[in-house]
Amino acid sequence: MATTLTTVPTTIPVPPKDPIIGTWVGYKYLASGRIQLVWTIMENNTWSLVNTNMKSQHKKFVYGKWKKDSAVTYQITPPSGTWITCTYDPAKDEWSDTFFLVTFTRVTDPDTLIPEQIRTMNITLYSAQMVSEINGSHPFSGNKYLIVNISIKNINETGGYSFTDDKIWVVLEDQNGLTAINQKLKGKVENPFPSIKIGPGEAQQGMVIFGVPEKPQSYVLRLIDSNGYVISNDVELKNL
C-alpha cells in the first residue's frame, strides 16, 4: 500500500512592528512661540516631521531615515546626514532625542493635533528679485535688497487691513523674520505698495522692499496683525 505524504503548510510568523513606528507629538518652547513637532515613523525605515509654529501656523516639513541600534535606542538622520540619537521608554511608551531635547508621546487620536488657522488676508506674488542697489541706495554690507511685486486682498478682515512696513514679514530659513523697508527707501522704487487701509473684498498691488542676507536661501512672505498673529497665506520664495 502506497504511503501518501501530506505536506503541512508552514506559517512564517510575522515579526511584531517596532515600537517606534507610528505618529508622535512633542512640544518645544521658543521665543517665537510654542512649536509642535509631529513625527511619522514608518516601517520602511523612513520618517517625516511637521514642525509647526502654533502662533503663526507656519509649517516646515522634513524627511529622513532611521535605524535601530538596540532594544531602546535609535538613530534618526535628516537630509543633512547628521545622526540624532533617540531613546525609547517602553514603560511610558515615549521617546526623547538629542537634538530637540523633547519627549514625544504617541498620537492615538489625530483630532488632538492643532487645526489650521483661518486666514483673512491673501497675498499673490507676481515677481521677486534680488538686487545690490536701488537708484543709488545700497544695503548694509553682506545684504541685498529683495523686491517683491505683490497684491494683497482682504478676504475677511472685517475691520479693514492697514498696510505698514511692520505688518509684512519675510521669514528666513532660520525662522528669523524681517519687516519691509519701503519707508526707508521712499521715492527709490516705482509703484511702492501704498500705506493705506484695505477694506473687506478690496485688493491693492505694489512693490515691497526688504533688506536680506545676500547668501542664497528660501524665504516665506506673510502678513501679521497688530497682535503679531499671521493672518495671510504663506508665499514661498525659492532660488533667488
Protein backbone atom coordinates (compact mmCIF):
# COMPACT_ATOMS: atom_id res chain seq x y z
CA MET A 1 0.00 0.00 0.00
CA ALA A 2 1.40 3.30 -1.05
CA THR A 3 2.07 5.87 1.60
CA THR A 4 0.70 9.32 0.93
CA LEU A 5 2.77 12.16 2.32
CA THR A 6 0.80 15.18 3.39
CA THR A 7 2.63 18.49 3.36
CA VAL A 8 1.63 20.66 6.27
CA PRO A 9 1.72 24.34 5.30
CA THR A 10 4.28 26.26 7.29
CA THR A 11 3.20 29.67 8.52
CA ILE A 12 6.07 32.07 8.95
CA PRO A 13 5.33 34.24 11.95
CA VAL A 14 5.18 37.94 11.20
CA PRO A 15 7.60 39.83 13.44
CA PRO A 16 5.97 42.50 15.60
CA LYS A 17 6.21 46.07 14.47
CA ASP A 18 8.96 48.09 16.02
CA PRO A 19 7.52 50.14 18.90
CA ILE A 20 8.84 53.41 17.48
CA ILE A 21 6.70 53.03 14.35
CA GLY A 22 3.70 55.36 14.46
CA THR A 23 2.87 59.04 14.89
CA TRP A 24 4.35 61.02 17.76
CA VAL A 25 3.95 64.56 19.05
CA GLY A 26 6.11 66.79 21.21
CA TYR A 27 6.34 70.49 22.03
CA LYS A 28 9.23 72.91 22.27
CA TYR A 29 9.03 76.45 23.63
CA LEU A 30 10.94 79.18 21.78
CA ALA A 31 10.93 82.98 21.88
CA SER A 32 8.79 82.90 18.71
CA GLY A 33 6.13 80.75 20.42
CA ARG A 34 5.24 77.12 21.09
CA ILE A 35 6.44 74.69 18.43
CA GLN A 36 4.55 71.47 17.72
CA LEU A 37 6.66 68.61 16.36
CA VAL A 38 4.78 65.72 14.76
CA TRP A 39 6.84 62.71 13.67
CA THR A 40 5.55 59.91 11.48
CA ILE A 41 7.92 56.94 11.77
CA MET A 42 7.31 54.37 9.01
CA GLU A 43 8.11 50.67 8.64
CA ASN A 44 10.39 51.20 5.63
CA ASN A 45 12.90 52.99 7.88
CA THR A 46 11.87 56.44 6.71
CA TRP A 47 10.20 59.27 8.61
CA SER A 48 8.58 62.66 8.12
CA LEU A 49 8.43 65.59 10.53
CA VAL A 50 5.98 68.50 10.52
CA ASN A 51 7.37 71.41 12.55
CA THR A 52 4.54 73.88 13.25
CA ASN A 53 4.75 77.25 14.96
CA MET A 54 1.43 77.22 16.82
CA LYS A 55 1.22 81.02 16.89
CA SER A 56 1.90 81.72 13.24
CA GLN A 57 0.82 78.31 11.87
CA HIS A 58 3.94 78.30 9.68
CA LYS A 59 4.87 74.71 8.89
CA LYS A 60 8.20 73.17 7.97
CA PHE A 61 8.39 69.66 6.50
CA VAL A 62 11.48 67.47 6.91
CA TYR A 63 12.14 63.89 5.77
CA GLY A 64 14.82 61.31 6.51
CA LYS A 65 15.73 57.77 7.54
CA TRP A 66 16.03 55.85 10.80
CA LYS A 67 17.74 52.71 12.07
CA LYS A 68 17.66 50.70 15.26
CA ASP A 69 20.78 50.42 17.41
CA SER A 70 19.41 48.39 20.32
CA ALA A 71 16.14 47.50 22.01
CA VAL A 72 15.67 51.10 23.16
CA THR A 73 18.00 53.29 21.08
CA TYR A 74 17.60 54.54 17.52
CA GLN A 75 19.47 56.73 15.08
CA ILE A 76 17.46 59.26 13.05
CA THR A 77 19.06 61.21 10.24
CA PRO A 78 17.72 64.34 8.48
CA PRO A 79 18.75 65.34 4.93
CA SER A 80 21.90 66.95 6.37
CA GLY A 81 23.15 63.46 7.21
CA THR A 82 23.91 64.13 10.88
CA TRP A 83 22.57 61.26 13.00
CA ILE A 84 20.39 62.06 16.03
CA THR A 85 20.21 59.56 18.88
CA CYS A 86 16.75 58.74 20.23
CA THR A 87 15.90 56.69 23.32
CA TYR A 88 12.60 54.80 23.69
CA ASP A 89 10.98 54.22 27.10
CA PRO A 90 8.77 51.10 26.83
CA ALA A 91 7.24 51.62 30.26
CA LYS A 92 5.89 55.06 29.33
CA ASP A 93 5.64 54.47 25.54
CA GLU A 94 7.61 57.66 24.98
CA TRP A 95 10.89 58.59 23.33
CA SER A 96 13.27 61.51 23.53
CA ASP A 97 16.00 62.83 21.27
CA THR A 98 19.36 64.58 21.50
CA PHE A 99 18.53 67.37 19.01
CA PHE A 100 15.21 68.95 20.03
CA LEU A 101 15.63 67.66 23.61
CA VAL A 102 11.89 66.94 23.67
CA THR A 103 9.83 63.99 24.92
CA PHE A 104 7.48 62.59 22.27
CA THR A 105 4.22 60.77 23.06
CA ARG A 106 2.27 58.51 20.74
CA VAL A 107 -0.66 60.05 18.85
CA THR A 108 -3.73 57.82 19.00
CA ASP A 109 -6.30 60.49 18.09
CA PRO A 110 -5.41 62.84 15.19
CA ASP A 111 -8.06 65.29 16.42
CA THR A 112 -5.75 66.18 19.31
CA LEU A 113 -3.38 67.86 16.84
CA ILE A 114 -3.79 71.56 16.12
CA PRO A 115 -6.29 72.71 13.48
CA GLU A 116 -5.43 75.01 10.62
CA GLN A 117 -5.89 78.69 11.34
CA ILE A 118 -8.32 80.52 9.06
CA ARG A 119 -6.64 83.23 7.00
CA THR A 120 -8.35 86.57 6.50
CA MET A 121 -5.86 88.09 4.02
CA ASN A 122 -4.36 86.75 0.80
CA ILE A 123 -1.01 87.56 -0.85
CA THR A 124 -0.46 86.99 -4.58
CA LEU A 125 3.13 87.14 -5.83
CA TYR A 126 3.81 88.48 -9.34
CA SER A 127 7.60 88.76 -9.26
CA ALA A 128 10.61 88.70 -6.93
CA GLN A 129 14.21 89.76 -7.48
CA MET A 130 17.42 90.33 -5.54
CA VAL A 131 19.41 93.48 -6.31
CA SER A 132 22.54 95.13 -4.88
CA GLU A 133 21.43 98.72 -5.47
CA ILE A 134 18.24 100.74 -5.89
CA ASN A 135 18.65 104.16 -7.52
CA GLY A 136 21.91 104.88 -5.70
CA SER A 137 20.90 103.30 -2.40
CA HIS A 138 22.94 100.32 -1.18
CA PRO A 139 22.05 97.82 1.59
CA PHE A 140 24.22 97.08 4.61
CA SER A 141 27.39 95.07 3.99
CA GLY A 142 26.57 91.38 3.43
CA ASN A 143 22.98 92.15 2.45
CA LYS A 144 20.95 92.64 -0.71
CA TYR A 145 17.59 94.15 -1.45
CA LEU A 146 14.71 91.76 -2.02
CA ILE A 147 11.99 93.41 -4.13
CA VAL A 148 8.61 91.71 -4.48
CA ASN A 149 5.67 92.77 -6.62
CA ILE A 150 2.56 91.58 -4.80
CA SER A 151 -1.14 92.16 -4.43
CA ILE A 152 -2.91 91.90 -1.09
CA LYS A 153 -6.62 91.08 -0.90
CA ASN A 154 -8.76 91.44 2.19
CA ILE A 155 -10.79 88.23 2.31
CA ASN A 156 -12.45 88.60 5.70
CA GLU A 157 -10.59 91.13 7.85
CA THR A 158 -13.82 92.88 8.79
CA GLY A 159 -12.18 95.89 10.41
CA GLY A 160 -10.01 96.51 7.37
CA TYR A 161 -6.28 95.94 6.99
CA SER A 162 -3.90 98.89 7.31
CA PHE A 163 -0.69 98.17 5.42
CA THR A 164 2.55 99.38 7.04
CA ASP A 165 6.14 98.16 6.77
CA ASP A 166 5.96 96.35 10.11
CA LYS A 167 2.87 94.35 9.05
CA ILE A 168 4.59 92.40 6.26
CA TRP A 169 7.39 89.97 7.04
CA VAL A 170 9.86 87.87 5.12
CA VAL A 171 10.90 84.83 7.17
CA LEU A 172 14.36 83.34 6.64
CA GLU A 173 15.34 79.67 6.78
CA ASP A 174 16.50 80.09 10.40
CA GLN A 175 12.94 81.30 11.21
CA ASN A 176 14.06 84.88 11.89
CA GLY A 177 11.72 87.47 10.38
CA LEU A 178 12.47 90.83 8.73
CA THR A 179 9.99 93.64 8.13
CA ALA A 180 9.75 95.74 4.97
CA ILE A 181 11.81 98.92 4.45
CA ASN A 182 9.62 100.80 1.96
CA GLN A 183 9.57 103.95 4.08
CA LYS A 184 13.36 103.95 4.42
CA LEU A 185 13.67 103.84 0.63
CA LYS A 186 10.79 106.19 -0.10
CA GLY A 187 10.98 107.54 -3.64
CA LYS A 188 13.57 104.95 -4.72
CA VAL A 189 11.24 102.43 -6.38
CA GLU A 190 8.32 102.79 -8.77
CA ASN A 191 4.85 101.76 -7.67
CA PRO A 192 5.61 101.16 -3.97
CA PHE A 193 2.88 99.39 -2.03
CA PRO A 194 0.79 102.22 -0.55
CA SER A 195 0.32 102.66 3.18
CA ILE A 196 -3.47 102.51 3.04
CA LYS A 197 -6.35 100.66 4.62
CA ILE A 198 -7.67 97.76 2.54
CA GLY A 199 -11.34 97.12 3.17
CA PRO A 200 -13.11 93.73 3.07
CA GLY A 201 -13.24 92.43 -0.50
CA GLU A 202 -10.74 95.02 -1.72
CA ALA A 203 -7.26 94.41 -3.16
CA GLN A 204 -4.16 96.52 -3.68
CA GLN A 205 -0.93 95.93 -5.64
CA GLY A 206 2.58 97.35 -5.35
CA MET A 207 6.29 96.79 -4.72
CA VAL A 208 7.64 95.86 -1.28
CA ILE A 209 11.36 96.00 -0.37
CA PHE A 210 13.29 94.03 2.26
CA GLY A 211 16.94 94.04 3.28
CA VAL A 212 18.03 90.38 3.47
CA PRO A 213 21.32 88.43 3.73
CA GLU A 214 22.98 88.05 0.33
CA LYS A 215 23.53 84.30 0.94
CA PRO A 216 21.09 82.43 -1.37
CA GLN A 217 18.23 80.85 0.54
CA SER A 218 14.47 80.40 0.53
CA TYR A 219 12.07 82.88 2.10
CA VAL A 220 8.46 82.93 3.26
CA LEU A 221 6.35 86.06 2.84
CA ARG A 222 3.40 86.67 5.20
CA LEU A 223 1.20 89.34 6.80
CA ILE A 224 0.61 89.80 10.52
CA ASP A 225 -1.95 91.76 12.50
CA SER A 226 -1.33 94.29 15.25
CA ASN A 227 -1.05 91.46 17.81
CA GLY A 228 1.66 89.65 15.87
CA TYR A 229 -0.54 86.82 14.57
CA VAL A 230 -0.22 85.61 10.99
CA ILE A 231 -3.41 86.40 9.06
CA SER A 232 -2.39 85.54 5.49
CA ASN A 233 -1.30 82.61 3.39
CA ASP A 234 2.43 81.86 3.28
CA VAL A 235 4.15 82.72 -0.02
CA GLU A 236 7.41 80.81 -0.57
CA LEU A 237 10.25 82.43 -2.49
CA LYS A 238 12.90 80.00 -3.75
CA ASN A 239 16.06 80.07 -5.85
CA LEU A 240 16.53 83.84 -5.70
